[in-house]
C-alpha atoms as a PDB file:
ATOM      1  CA  UNK A   1       0.000   0.000   0.000  1.00  0.00           C
ATOM      2  CA  UNK A   2       1.578   3.267  -1.070  1.00  0.00           C
ATOM      3  CA  UNK A   3       1.139   6.684   0.464  1.00  0.00           C
ATOM      4  CA  UNK A   4      -1.352   7.523  -2.280  1.00  0.00           C
ATOM      5  CA  UNK A   5      -3.787   4.721  -1.475  1.00  0.00           C
ATOM      6  CA  UNK A   6      -5.130   5.932   1.816  1.00  0.00           C
ATOM      7  CA  UNK A   7      -5.049   6.069   5.549  1.00  0.00           C
ATOM      8  CA  UNK A   8      -4.325   3.036   7.748  1.00  0.00           C
ATOM      9  CA  UNK A   9      -5.845   2.792  11.221  1.00  0.00           C
ATOM     10  CA  UNK A  10      -3.712   0.924  13.763  1.00  0.00           C
ATOM     11  CA  UNK A  11      -4.962  -0.113  17.192  1.00  0.00           C
ATOM     12  CA  UNK A  12      -2.437  -0.874  19.905  1.00  0.00           C
ATOM     13  CA  UNK A  13      -0.029   1.586  18.300  1.00  0.00           C
ATOM     14  CA  UNK A  14       1.971   2.029  21.516  1.00  0.00           C
ATOM     15  CA  UNK A  15       2.368  -1.696  22.138  1.00  0.00           C
ATOM     16  CA  UNK A  16       5.432  -3.837  21.446  1.00  0.00           C
ATOM     17  CA  UNK A  17       4.201  -5.079  18.062  1.00  0.00           C
ATOM     18  CA  UNK A  18       1.980  -2.115  17.231  1.00  0.00           C
ATOM     19  CA  UNK A  19       4.761   0.446  17.624  1.00  0.00           C
ATOM     20  CA  UNK A  20       6.921  -1.496  15.161  1.00  0.00           C
ATOM     21  CA  UNK A  21       4.015  -1.632  12.706  1.00  0.00           C
ATOM     22  CA  UNK A  22       3.529   2.131  12.933  1.00  0.00           C
ATOM     23  CA  UNK A  23       7.278   2.694  12.574  1.00  0.00           C
ATOM     24  CA  UNK A  24       7.424   0.620   9.397  1.00  0.00           C
ATOM     25  CA  UNK A  25       4.323   2.271   7.934  1.00  0.00           C
ATOM     26  CA  UNK A  26       5.745   5.729   8.568  1.00  0.00           C
ATOM     27  CA  UNK A  27       9.041   4.683   6.985  1.00  0.00           C
ATOM     28  CA  UNK A  28       7.080   3.820   3.835  1.00  0.00           C
ATOM     29  CA  UNK A  29       5.368   7.235   3.852  1.00  0.00           C
ATOM     30  CA  UNK A  30       2.009   5.659   4.638  1.00  0.00           C
ATOM     31  CA  UNK A  31      -0.387   7.840   6.616  1.00  0.00           C
ATOM     32  CA  UNK A  32      -1.367   6.333   9.953  1.00  0.00           C
ATOM     33  CA  UNK A  33      -4.235   6.951  12.334  1.00  0.00           C
ATOM     34  CA  UNK A  34      -3.213   5.504  15.692  1.00  0.00           C
ATOM     35  CA  UNK A  35      -5.909   4.514  18.159  1.00  0.00           C
ATOM     36  CA  UNK A  36      -4.418   4.692  21.649  1.00  0.00           C
ATOM     37  CA  UNK A  37      -5.281   5.100  25.294  1.00  0.00           C
ATOM     38  CA  UNK A  38      -2.571   7.753  25.796  1.00  0.00           C
ATOM     39  CA  UNK A  39      -1.976  10.626  23.370  1.00  0.00           C
ATOM     40  CA  UNK A  40       1.254  11.666  25.063  1.00  0.00           C
ATOM     41  CA  UNK A  41       2.769   8.186  24.860  1.00  0.00           C
ATOM     42  CA  UNK A  42       2.379   7.812  21.114  1.00  0.00           C
ATOM     43  CA  UNK A  43       3.724  11.317  20.454  1.00  0.00           C
ATOM     44  CA  UNK A  44       6.726  10.557  22.663  1.00  0.00           C
ATOM     45  CA  UNK A  45       7.481   7.425  20.646  1.00  0.00           C
ATOM     46  CA  UNK A  46       7.064   9.147  17.267  1.00  0.00           C
ATOM     47  CA  UNK A  47       8.043  12.786  17.910  1.00  0.00           C
ATOM     48  CA  UNK A  48       8.936  13.512  14.288  1.00  0.00           C
ATOM     49  CA  UNK A  49       5.937  11.939  12.549  1.00  0.00           C
ATOM     50  CA  UNK A  50       4.150  15.248  12.090  1.00  0.00           C
ATOM     51  CA  UNK A  51       0.949  15.226  10.060  1.00  0.00           C
ATOM     52  CA  UNK A  52       1.691  11.740   8.732  1.00  0.00           C
ATOM     53  CA  UNK A  53       0.509  10.384  12.086  1.00  0.00           C
ATOM     54  CA  UNK A  54      -2.969  11.153  13.385  1.00  0.00           C
ATOM     55  CA  UNK A  55      -3.735  10.127  16.951  1.00  0.00           C
ATOM     56  CA  UNK A  56      -7.153   9.269  18.370  1.00  0.00           C
ATOM     57  CA  UNK A  57      -7.649   8.536  22.049  1.00  0.00           C
ATOM     58  CA  UNK A  58     -10.214   5.812  22.788  1.00  0.00           C
ATOM     59  CA  UNK A  59     -10.256   4.302  26.296  1.00  0.00           C
ATOM     60  CA  UNK A  60     -11.121   0.674  25.515  1.00  0.00           C
ATOM     61  CA  UNK A  61     -11.587  -1.745  22.633  1.00  0.00           C
ATOM     62  CA  UNK A  62     -15.270  -1.999  23.540  1.00  0.00           C
ATOM     63  CA  UNK A  63     -15.905   1.686  22.860  1.00  0.00           C
ATOM     64  CA  UNK A  64     -17.345   3.172  19.681  1.00  0.00           C
ATOM     65  CA  UNK A  65     -14.611   3.485  17.029  1.00  0.00           C
ATOM     66  CA  UNK A  66     -16.918   4.806  14.298  1.00  0.00           C
ATOM     67  CA  UNK A  67     -15.451   8.312  14.099  1.00  0.00           C
ATOM     68  CA  UNK A  68     -11.888   6.984  14.172  1.00  0.00           C
ATOM     69  CA  UNK A  69     -12.687   4.568  11.345  1.00  0.00           C
ATOM     70  CA  UNK A  70     -14.171   7.176   9.008  1.00  0.00           C
ATOM     71  CA  UNK A  71     -12.001   7.875   5.978  1.00  0.00           C
ATOM     72  CA  UNK A  72      -9.802   4.849   6.589  1.00  0.00           C
ATOM     73  CA  UNK A  73      -8.838   2.505   3.752  1.00  0.00           C
ATOM     74  CA  UNK A  74      -7.438  -0.307   5.931  1.00  0.00           C
ATOM     75  CA  UNK A  75      -7.445  -1.432   9.561  1.00  0.00           C
ATOM     76  CA  UNK A  76      -4.649  -3.178  11.431  1.00  0.00           C
ATOM     77  CA  UNK A  77      -5.998  -4.374  14.772  1.00  0.00           C
ATOM     78  CA  UNK A  78      -3.194  -5.427  17.079  1.00  0.00           C
ATOM     79  CA  UNK A  79      -4.334  -4.169  20.484  1.00  0.00           C
ATOM     80  CA  UNK A  80      -5.169  -6.806  23.065  1.00  0.00           C
ATOM     81  CA  UNK A  81      -5.078  -6.894  26.852  1.00  0.00           C
ATOM     82  CA  UNK A  82      -3.588 -10.033  28.339  1.00  0.00           C
ATOM     83  CA  UNK A  83      -1.514 -11.733  31.023  1.00  0.00           C
ATOM     84  CA  UNK A  84       1.621 -10.224  29.456  1.00  0.00           C
ATOM     85  CA  UNK A  85       0.514  -6.669  30.200  1.00  0.00           C
ATOM     86  CA  UNK A  86      -1.197  -7.080  33.544  1.00  0.00           C
ATOM     87  CA  UNK A  87      -4.834  -7.307  32.444  1.00  0.00           C
ATOM     88  CA  UNK A  88      -7.376  -9.165  34.551  1.00  0.00           C
ATOM     89  CA  UNK A  89      -8.938 -12.333  33.161  1.00  0.00           C
ATOM     90  CA  UNK A  90     -12.215 -10.501  32.610  1.00  0.00           C
ATOM     91  CA  UNK A  91     -10.523  -7.666  30.732  1.00  0.00           C
ATOM     92  CA  UNK A  92      -8.545 -10.132  28.626  1.00  0.00           C
ATOM     93  CA  UNK A  93     -11.706 -11.938  27.558  1.00  0.00           C
ATOM     94  CA  UNK A  94     -13.602  -8.735  26.844  1.00  0.00           C
ATOM     95  CA  UNK A  95     -10.738  -7.142  24.947  1.00  0.00           C
ATOM     96  CA  UNK A  96      -9.441 -10.110  22.970  1.00  0.00           C
ATOM     97  CA  UNK A  97     -12.874 -11.439  22.033  1.00  0.00           C
ATOM     98  CA  UNK A  98     -15.529  -8.728  22.272  1.00  0.00           C
ATOM     99  CA  UNK A  99     -13.114  -5.884  21.508  1.00  0.00           C
ATOM    100  CA  UNK A 100     -11.756  -7.551  18.389  1.00  0.00           C
ATOM    101  CA  UNK A 101     -15.217  -8.298  17.037  1.00  0.00           C
ATOM    102  CA  UNK A 102     -16.369  -4.785  17.926  1.00  0.00           C
ATOM    103  CA  UNK A 103     -13.666  -3.146  15.826  1.00  0.00           C
ATOM    104  CA  UNK A 104     -13.948  -5.577  12.912  1.00  0.00           C
ATOM    105  CA  UNK A 105     -17.729  -5.296  12.723  1.00  0.00           C
ATOM    106  CA  UNK A 106     -17.627  -1.495  12.932  1.00  0.00           C
ATOM    107  CA  UNK A 107     -15.031  -1.398  10.145  1.00  0.00           C
ATOM    108  CA  UNK A 108     -17.178  -3.627   7.939  1.00  0.00           C
ATOM    109  CA  UNK A 109     -20.279  -1.515   8.611  1.00  0.00           C
ATOM    110  CA  UNK A 110     -18.392   1.530   7.308  1.00  0.00           C
ATOM    111  CA  UNK A 111     -17.410  -0.240   4.104  1.00  0.00           C
ATOM    112  CA  UNK A 112     -13.734  -0.818   4.920  1.00  0.00           C
ATOM    113  CA  UNK A 113     -12.593  -3.768   2.817  1.00  0.00           C
ATOM    114  CA  UNK A 114      -9.060  -4.440   4.097  1.00  0.00           C
ATOM    115  CA  UNK A 115      -8.792  -5.647   7.698  1.00  0.00           C
ATOM    116  CA  UNK A 116      -5.745  -7.257   9.322  1.00  0.00           C
ATOM    117  CA  UNK A 117      -5.937  -8.765  12.805  1.00  0.00           C
ATOM    118  CA  UNK A 118      -3.053  -9.864  15.010  1.00  0.00           C
ATOM    119  CA  UNK A 119      -3.910 -13.304  16.338  1.00  0.00           C
ATOM    120  CA  UNK A 120      -1.535 -15.763  17.980  1.00  0.00           C
ATOM    121  CA  UNK A 121      -0.147 -19.132  17.106  1.00  0.00           C
ATOM    122  CA  UNK A 122      -1.634 -20.452  20.352  1.00  0.00           C
ATOM    123  CA  UNK A 123      -4.931 -20.430  18.420  1.00  0.00           C
ATOM    124  CA  UNK A 124      -3.647 -23.467  16.504  1.00  0.00           C
ATOM    125  CA  UNK A 125      -3.641 -25.731  19.558  1.00  0.00           C
ATOM    126  CA  UNK A 126      -5.836 -27.171  22.260  1.00  0.00           C
ATOM    127  CA  UNK A 127      -5.094 -25.793  25.703  1.00  0.00           C
ATOM    128  CA  UNK A 128      -3.032 -28.876  26.597  1.00  0.00           C
ATOM    129  CA  UNK A 129      -0.665 -28.095  23.685  1.00  0.00           C
ATOM    130  CA  UNK A 130      -0.076 -31.811  23.058  1.00  0.00           C
ATOM    131  CA  UNK A 131       0.072 -31.224  19.302  1.00  0.00           C
ATOM    132  CA  UNK A 132       2.769 -28.569  19.753  1.00  0.00           C
ATOM    133  CA  UNK A 133       5.359 -31.284  20.369  1.00  0.00           C
ATOM    134  CA  UNK A 134       6.656 -33.902  17.967  1.00  0.00           C
ATOM    135  CA  UNK A 135       6.799 -34.482  14.250  1.00  0.00           C
ATOM    136  CA  UNK A 136       3.289 -33.622  13.039  1.00  0.00           C
ATOM    137  CA  UNK A 137       3.244 -30.621  10.721  1.00  0.00           C
ATOM    138  CA  UNK A 138       0.958 -27.816  11.928  1.00  0.00           C
ATOM    139  CA  UNK A 139      -0.713 -25.698   9.240  1.00  0.00           C
ATOM    140  CA  UNK A 140      -2.700 -22.475   9.356  1.00  0.00           C
ATOM    141  CA  UNK A 141      -5.907 -24.520   9.027  1.00  0.00           C
ATOM    142  CA  UNK A 142      -5.667 -25.820  12.609  1.00  0.00           C
ATOM    143  CA  UNK A 143      -7.858 -24.487  15.419  1.00  0.00           C
ATOM    144  CA  UNK A 144      -7.900 -25.259  19.118  1.00  0.00           C
ATOM    145  CA  UNK A 145     -11.124 -26.918  20.258  1.00  0.00           C
ATOM    146  CA  UNK A 146     -11.956 -24.372  22.978  1.00  0.00           C
ATOM    147  CA  UNK A 147     -15.337 -22.637  22.668  1.00  0.00           C
ATOM    148  CA  UNK A 148     -16.723 -19.502  24.279  1.00  0.00           C
ATOM    149  CA  UNK A 149     -18.879 -21.503  26.698  1.00  0.00           C
ATOM    150  CA  UNK A 150     -15.740 -23.219  28.035  1.00  0.00           C
ATOM    151  CA  UNK A 151     -14.188 -19.957  29.245  1.00  0.00           C
ATOM    152  CA  UNK A 152     -14.587 -19.218  32.968  1.00  0.00           C
ATOM    153  CA  UNK A 153     -12.477 -16.180  33.918  1.00  0.00           C
ATOM    154  CA  UNK A 154     -12.943 -16.729  37.651  1.00  0.00           C
ATOM    155  CA  UNK A 155     -11.701 -20.316  37.541  1.00  0.00           C
ATOM    156  CA  UNK A 156      -8.942 -20.484  34.908  1.00  0.00           C
ATOM    157  CA  UNK A 157      -5.423 -19.082  34.838  1.00  0.00           C
ATOM    158  CA  UNK A 158      -4.385 -15.992  32.903  1.00  0.00           C
ATOM    159  CA  UNK A 159      -2.647 -17.768  30.028  1.00  0.00           C
ATOM    160  CA  UNK A 160      -5.605 -20.126  29.541  1.00  0.00           C
ATOM    161  CA  UNK A 161      -7.942 -17.132  29.290  1.00  0.00           C
ATOM    162  CA  UNK A 162      -5.625 -15.379  26.827  1.00  0.00           C
ATOM    163  CA  UNK A 163      -5.338 -18.436  24.587  1.00  0.00           C
ATOM    164  CA  UNK A 164      -9.044 -19.211  24.794  1.00  0.00           C
ATOM    165  CA  UNK A 165     -10.161 -15.648  24.075  1.00  0.00           C
ATOM    166  CA  UNK A 166      -7.806 -15.328  21.108  1.00  0.00           C
ATOM    167  CA  UNK A 167      -8.950 -18.690  19.744  1.00  0.00           C
ATOM    168  CA  UNK A 168     -12.687 -18.054  19.943  1.00  0.00           C
ATOM    169  CA  UNK A 169     -12.182 -14.615  18.384  1.00  0.00           C
ATOM    170  CA  UNK A 170     -10.215 -16.251  15.566  1.00  0.00           C
ATOM    171  CA  UNK A 171     -13.030 -18.736  14.951  1.00  0.00           C
ATOM    172  CA  UNK A 172     -15.604 -15.959  14.841  1.00  0.00           C
ATOM    173  CA  UNK A 173     -13.426 -13.996  12.399  1.00  0.00           C
ATOM    174  CA  UNK A 174     -13.466 -17.001  10.082  1.00  0.00           C
ATOM    175  CA  UNK A 175     -17.267 -16.942  10.184  1.00  0.00           C
ATOM    176  CA  UNK A 176     -17.287 -13.198   9.508  1.00  0.00           C
ATOM    177  CA  UNK A 177     -14.985 -13.683   6.512  1.00  0.00           C
ATOM    178  CA  UNK A 178     -17.331 -16.330   5.100  1.00  0.00           C
ATOM    179  CA  UNK A 179     -20.376 -14.127   5.690  1.00  0.00           C
ATOM    180  CA  UNK A 180     -18.684 -11.147   4.001  1.00  0.00           C
ATOM    181  CA  UNK A 181     -16.835 -12.474   0.938  1.00  0.00           C
ATOM    182  CA  UNK A 182     -16.228  -8.928  -0.307  1.00  0.00           C
ATOM    183  CA  UNK A 183     -14.089  -8.184   2.784  1.00  0.00           C
ATOM    184  CA  UNK A 184     -10.362  -8.943   2.585  1.00  0.00           C
ATOM    185  CA  UNK A 185      -9.799 -10.147   6.157  1.00  0.00           C
ATOM    186  CA  UNK A 186      -6.362 -11.381   7.228  1.00  0.00           C
ATOM    187  CA  UNK A 187      -5.462 -13.008  10.556  1.00  0.00           C
ATOM    188  CA  UNK A 188      -1.761 -13.298  11.374  1.00  0.00           C
ATOM    189  CA  UNK A 189      -0.612 -15.878  13.916  1.00  0.00           C
ATOM    190  CA  UNK A 190       2.838 -15.029  15.311  1.00  0.00           C
ATOM    191  CA  UNK A 191       4.622 -17.404  17.659  1.00  0.00           C
ATOM    192  CA  UNK A 192       6.523 -16.015  20.681  1.00  0.00           C
ATOM    193  CA  UNK A 193       7.686 -12.538  19.688  1.00  0.00           C
ATOM    194  CA  UNK A 194      11.111 -11.274  20.759  1.00  0.00           C
ATOM    195  CA  UNK A 195      13.292  -8.385  19.681  1.00  0.00           C
ATOM    196  CA  UNK A 196      14.133  -4.727  20.176  1.00  0.00           C
ATOM    197  CA  UNK A 197      11.866  -1.895  21.171  1.00  0.00           C
ATOM    198  CA  UNK A 198      11.370   0.974  18.749  1.00  0.00           C
ATOM    199  CA  UNK A 199      13.427   4.087  19.564  1.00  0.00           C
ATOM    200  CA  UNK A 200      11.847   6.270  22.275  1.00  0.00           C
ATOM    201  CA  UNK A 201       9.667   3.418  23.540  1.00  0.00           C
ATOM    202  CA  UNK A 202       8.942   4.134  27.227  1.00  0.00           C
ATOM    203  CA  UNK A 203      10.225   1.487  29.612  1.00  0.00           C
ATOM    204  CA  UNK A 204       7.693   0.359  32.230  1.00  0.00           C
ATOM    205  CA  UNK A 205       8.998   0.189  35.802  1.00  0.00           C
ATOM    206  CA  UNK A 206       7.937  -3.463  36.103  1.00  0.00           C
ATOM    207  CA  UNK A 207      10.110  -5.619  33.850  1.00  0.00           C
ATOM    208  CA  UNK A 208       7.310  -8.164  33.457  1.00  0.00           C
ATOM    209  CA  UNK A 209       5.454  -5.455  31.528  1.00  0.00           C
ATOM    210  CA  UNK A 210       8.058  -5.719  28.754  1.00  0.00           C
ATOM    211  CA  UNK A 211       5.966  -8.558  27.380  1.00  0.00           C
ATOM    212  CA  UNK A 212       7.566 -11.674  25.952  1.00  0.00           C
ATOM    213  CA  UNK A 213      11.068 -10.173  26.099  1.00  0.00           C
ATOM    214  CA  UNK A 214      10.811 -10.506  29.870  1.00  0.00           C
ATOM    215  CA  UNK A 215      10.786 -14.300  29.512  1.00  0.00           C
ATOM    216  CA  UNK A 216      14.352 -14.112  28.184  1.00  0.00           C
ATOM    217  CA  UNK A 217      15.268 -12.114  31.283  1.00  0.00           C
ATOM    218  CA  UNK A 218      14.638 -15.301  33.231  1.00  0.00           C
ATOM    219  CA  UNK A 219      17.909 -16.647  31.819  1.00  0.00           C
ATOM    220  CA  UNK A 220      19.885 -14.143  33.896  1.00  0.00           C
ATOM    221  CA  UNK A 221      17.395 -13.482  36.697  1.00  0.00           C
ATOM    222  CA  UNK A 222      16.723 -17.139  37.464  1.00  0.00           C
ATOM    223  CA  UNK A 223      13.752 -19.363  36.865  1.00  0.00           C
ATOM    224  CA  UNK A 224      11.060 -20.523  39.303  1.00  0.00           C
ATOM    225  CA  UNK A 225      13.584 -22.815  41.004  1.00  0.00           C
ATOM    226  CA  UNK A 226      15.862 -19.934  41.920  1.00  0.00           C
ATOM    227  CA  UNK A 227      19.079 -18.367  40.622  1.00  0.00           C
ATOM    228  CA  UNK A 228      21.034 -20.071  37.827  1.00  0.00           C
ATOM    229  CA  UNK A 229      18.036 -22.097  36.644  1.00  0.00           C
ATOM    230  CA  UNK A 230      16.090 -21.961  33.402  1.00  0.00           C
ATOM    231  CA  UNK A 231      12.776 -20.208  32.765  1.00  0.00           C
ATOM    232  CA  UNK A 232       9.846 -22.608  32.986  1.00  0.00           C
ATOM    233  CA  UNK A 233       8.284 -21.359  29.746  1.00  0.00           C
ATOM    234  CA  UNK A 234       7.971 -24.274  27.326  1.00  0.00           C
ATOM    235  CA  UNK A 235       7.485 -22.263  24.123  1.00  0.00           C
ATOM    236  CA  UNK A 236      10.075 -23.122  21.474  1.00  0.00           C
ATOM    237  CA  UNK A 237       8.742 -21.292  18.417  1.00  0.00           C
ATOM    238  CA  UNK A 238       9.951 -17.710  18.027  1.00  0.00           C
ATOM    239  CA  UNK A 239       9.880 -14.789  15.612  1.00  0.00           C
ATOM    240  CA  UNK A 240      11.385 -11.312  15.658  1.00  0.00           C
ATOM    241  CA  UNK A 241       9.019  -8.404  16.275  1.00  0.00           C
ATOM    242  CA  UNK A 242      10.401  -6.638  13.194  1.00  0.00           C
ATOM    243  CA  UNK A 243       9.351  -9.576  11.021  1.00  0.00           C
ATOM    244  CA  UNK A 244       5.915  -9.641  12.638  1.00  0.00           C
ATOM    245  CA  UNK A 245       5.467  -5.951  11.864  1.00  0.00           C
ATOM    246  CA  UNK A 246       6.738  -6.527   8.333  1.00  0.00           C
ATOM    247  CA  UNK A 247       4.107  -9.236   7.831  1.00  0.00           C
ATOM    248  CA  UNK A 248       1.354  -6.782   8.779  1.00  0.00           C
ATOM    249  CA  UNK A 249       2.673  -4.181   6.360  1.00  0.00           C
ATOM    250  CA  UNK A 250       3.014  -6.741   3.557  1.00  0.00           C
ATOM    251  CA  UNK A 251      -0.553  -7.894   4.222  1.00  0.00           C
ATOM    252  CA  UNK A 252      -1.817  -4.456   3.205  1.00  0.00           C
ATOM    253  CA  UNK A 253      -0.811  -5.157  -0.391  1.00  0.00           C
ATOM    254  CA  UNK A 254      -1.593  -8.877  -0.464  1.00  0.00           C
ATOM    255  CA  UNK A 255      -4.646  -9.544  -2.670  1.00  0.00           C
ATOM    256  CA  UNK A 256      -7.499 -11.862  -1.659  1.00  0.00           C
ATOM    257  CA  UNK A 257      -6.838 -15.566  -2.177  1.00  0.00           C
ATOM    258  CA  UNK A 258      -9.653 -17.354  -3.985  1.00  0.00           C
ATOM    259  CA  UNK A 259     -11.133 -20.140  -1.895  1.00  0.00           C
ATOM    260  CA  UNK A 260      -8.791 -19.592   1.044  1.00  0.00           C
ATOM    261  CA  UNK A 261      -9.132 -17.740   4.319  1.00  0.00           C
ATOM    262  CA  UNK A 262      -6.082 -15.493   4.765  1.00  0.00           C
ATOM    263  CA  UNK A 263      -4.917 -16.918   8.074  1.00  0.00           C
ATOM    264  CA  UNK A 264      -1.128 -17.161   8.261  1.00  0.00           C
ATOM    265  CA  UNK A 265       1.472 -18.453  10.703  1.00  0.00           C
ATOM    266  CA  UNK A 266       4.350 -16.044  11.381  1.00  0.00           C
ATOM    267  CA  UNK A 267       7.249 -17.963  12.909  1.00  0.00           C
ATOM    268  CA  UNK A 268      10.904 -18.209  11.975  1.00  0.00           C
ATOM    269  CA  UNK A 269      12.651 -20.763  14.171  1.00  0.00           C
ATOM    270  CA  UNK A 270      12.584 -23.279  16.985  1.00  0.00           C
ATOM    271  CA  UNK A 271      15.031 -22.440  19.745  1.00  0.00           C
ATOM    272  CA  UNK A 272      16.195 -24.096  22.963  1.00  0.00           C
ATOM    273  CA  UNK A 273      16.763 -22.262  26.235  1.00  0.00           C
ATOM    274  CA  UNK A 274      20.125 -23.966  26.622  1.00  0.00           C
ATOM    275  CA  UNK A 275      21.272 -22.640  23.231  1.00  0.00           C
ATOM    276  CA  UNK A 276      19.931 -19.180  24.058  1.00  0.00           C
ATOM    277  CA  UNK A 277      21.962 -19.171  27.269  1.00  0.00           C
ATOM    278  CA  UNK A 278      25.110 -19.994  25.293  1.00  0.00           C
ATOM    279  CA  UNK A 279      24.411 -17.202  22.806  1.00  0.00           C
ATOM    280  CA  UNK A 280      24.121 -14.736  25.693  1.00  0.00           C
ATOM    281  CA  UNK A 281      27.236 -16.160  27.394  1.00  0.00           C
ATOM    282  CA  UNK A 282      29.271 -15.610  24.221  1.00  0.00           C
ATOM    283  CA  UNK A 283      27.997 -12.085  23.600  1.00  0.00           C
ATOM    284  CA  UNK A 284      28.047 -11.065  27.272  1.00  0.00           C
ATOM    285  CA  UNK A 285      30.732 -13.004  29.178  1.00  0.00           C
ATOM    286  CA  UNK A 286      30.155 -10.645  32.107  1.00  0.00           C
ATOM    287  CA  UNK A 287      26.753 -12.323  32.569  1.00  0.00           C
ATOM    288  CA  UNK A 288      28.178 -15.860  32.829  1.00  0.00           C
ATOM    289  CA  UNK A 289      27.704 -16.070  36.597  1.00  0.00           C
ATOM    290  CA  UNK A 290      24.031 -15.158  36.241  1.00  0.00           C
ATOM    291  CA  UNK A 291      23.173 -17.713  33.549  1.00  0.00           C
ATOM    292  CA  UNK A 292      21.869 -21.225  34.305  1.00  0.00           C
ATOM    293  CA  UNK A 293      24.467 -23.522  35.824  1.00  0.00           C
ATOM    294  CA  UNK A 294      25.847 -26.496  33.902  1.00  0.00           C
ATOM    295  CA  UNK A 295      23.689 -28.938  35.864  1.00  0.00           C
ATOM    296  CA  UNK A 296      20.474 -26.923  35.431  1.00  0.00           C
ATOM    297  CA  UNK A 297      17.789 -28.724  33.424  1.00  0.00           C
ATOM    298  CA  UNK A 298      15.834 -26.685  30.852  1.00  0.00           C
ATOM    299  CA  UNK A 299      12.139 -27.398  30.253  1.00  0.00           C
ATOM    300  CA  UNK A 300      11.009 -29.522  27.331  1.00  0.00           C
ATOM    301  CA  UNK A 301      10.004 -27.016  24.657  1.00  0.00           C
ATOM    302  CA  UNK A 302       7.363 -27.088  21.958  1.00  0.00           C
ATOM    303  CA  UNK A 303       8.986 -28.195  18.706  1.00  0.00           C
ATOM    304  CA  UNK A 304       6.292 -29.251  16.231  1.00  0.00           C
ATOM    305  CA  UNK A 305       6.934 -28.193  12.648  1.00  0.00           C
ATOM    306  CA  UNK A 306       4.994 -25.061  11.691  1.00  0.00           C
ATOM    307  CA  UNK A 307       4.152 -24.862   7.994  1.00  0.00           C
ATOM    308  CA  UNK A 308       4.632 -21.236   6.905  1.00  0.00           C
ATOM    309  CA  UNK A 309       4.425 -21.949   3.167  1.00  0.00           C
ATOM    310  CA  UNK A 310       1.066 -20.172   2.826  1.00  0.00           C
ATOM    311  CA  UNK A 311       2.590 -17.113   4.505  1.00  0.00           C
ATOM    312  CA  UNK A 312       5.479 -17.199   2.053  1.00  0.00           C
ATOM    313  CA  UNK A 313       3.116 -17.617  -0.893  1.00  0.00           C
ATOM    314  CA  UNK A 314       0.737 -14.805   0.024  1.00  0.00           C
ATOM    315  CA  UNK A 315       3.031 -12.264   1.675  1.00  0.00           C
ATOM    316  CA  UNK A 316       6.336 -13.118   0.031  1.00  0.00           C
ATOM    317  CA  UNK A 317       7.871 -13.319   3.513  1.00  0.00           C
ATOM    318  CA  UNK A 318      10.647 -15.865   3.055  1.00  0.00           C
ATOM    319  CA  UNK A 319      13.637 -14.555   5.001  1.00  0.00           C
ATOM    320  CA  UNK A 320      13.548 -13.953   8.736  1.00  0.00           C
ATOM    321  CA  UNK A 321      15.865 -12.440  11.313  1.00  0.00           C
ATOM    322  CA  UNK A 322      17.858 -15.313  12.943  1.00  0.00           C
ATOM    323  CA  UNK A 323      16.688 -16.462  16.364  1.00  0.00           C
ATOM    324  CA  UNK A 324      20.000 -15.693  18.060  1.00  0.00           C
ATOM    325  CA  UNK A 325      19.763 -12.053  16.964  1.00  0.00           C
ATOM    326  CA  UNK A 326      16.306 -11.692  18.469  1.00  0.00           C
ATOM    327  CA  UNK A 327      17.447 -13.319  21.735  1.00  0.00           C
ATOM    328  CA  UNK A 328      20.334 -10.862  21.988  1.00  0.00           C
ATOM    329  CA  UNK A 329      18.007  -7.969  21.172  1.00  0.00           C
ATOM    330  CA  UNK A 330      15.645  -9.143  23.913  1.00  0.00           C
ATOM    331  CA  UNK A 331      18.407  -9.415  26.513  1.00  0.00           C
ATOM    332  CA  UNK A 332      19.643  -5.931  25.567  1.00  0.00           C
ATOM    333  CA  UNK A 333      16.162  -4.586  26.286  1.00  0.00           C
ATOM    334  CA  UNK A 334      16.233  -6.288  29.688  1.00  0.00           C
ATOM    335  CA  UNK A 335      19.738  -5.034  30.509  1.00  0.00           C
ATOM    336  CA  UNK A 336      18.670  -1.505  29.623  1.00  0.00           C
ATOM    337  CA  UNK A 337      15.747  -1.945  32.010  1.00  0.00           C
ATOM    338  CA  UNK A 338      18.209  -2.925  34.745  1.00  0.00           C
ATOM    339  CA  UNK A 339      20.285   0.173  34.056  1.00  0.00           C
ATOM    340  CA  UNK A 340      17.274   2.455  34.182  1.00  0.00           C
ATOM    341  CA  UNK A 341      15.650   0.987  37.262  1.00  0.00           C
ATOM    342  CA  UNK A 342      18.763  -0.209  39.136  1.00  0.00           C
ATOM    343  CA  UNK A 343      17.700  -3.777  39.869  1.00  0.00           C
END
């Protein structure tokens, strides 16, 4: 999409992924309308955007976005509350499910034909993640079996609610796409996202609010079993935030695919915590004493093969940033947090 084709609305523009999307759109001279909860935050991140960046303050995803959507040629919806940013289970469900459908339906009602939604690769699996291990190839056609009636925010843990809400929203989006064949609806499913922050991104005081980068911090801060142990997180599939943002930007120009729902896996590699620790040890020998000890046992990580051929075919996304680069970028973010907050 060139600067002459219209205005792109981006929700979650001050988030980890959203800020990279906005940065890449601005770099391509595409006009952006950012929907945010804080006007000052987005202007601080993009101080030189000028008139190329419009900013609209809307408190929640459940609010009326009609005015913000007027005059827009495409929507990129990436905002979502969740366990990674301190949201309650109730807010996660409302935002990830009801909020997503609210924005998509309002966009459709205004005649917007190009809609891109940030999903998650967790939508591909049941909540036990049994299929995420082993040799079976996972394609973009997979869905977890969870349904809306199965979600009980008061009884289930935060990650379960996040996965369930994202999955049921994804299923409903498929129905919406079938009901509205004239709408070009894309759902992108990134795996665990690591990488740098955009310049000027404000650091939260709580390192856990750095999102998925904070999981890498566990390699030098210690896992649940104490210092010099591995993080307990069993995710093995990763992708750099810059590639995730690139996929969203490429999706703006990707035409509809006859007979196929544009649902695409965005993942570049399978990594192991032990290998990540060695990458950090080599790049930062001064951190050696803080890394897991030689007798520490890493968790078994998800390693099923993810088929990204449809992504490559539709978006032309074939080359990704190597996993070791994103791990080092993530640890740099965490070290900068230590420097700023003296912990």
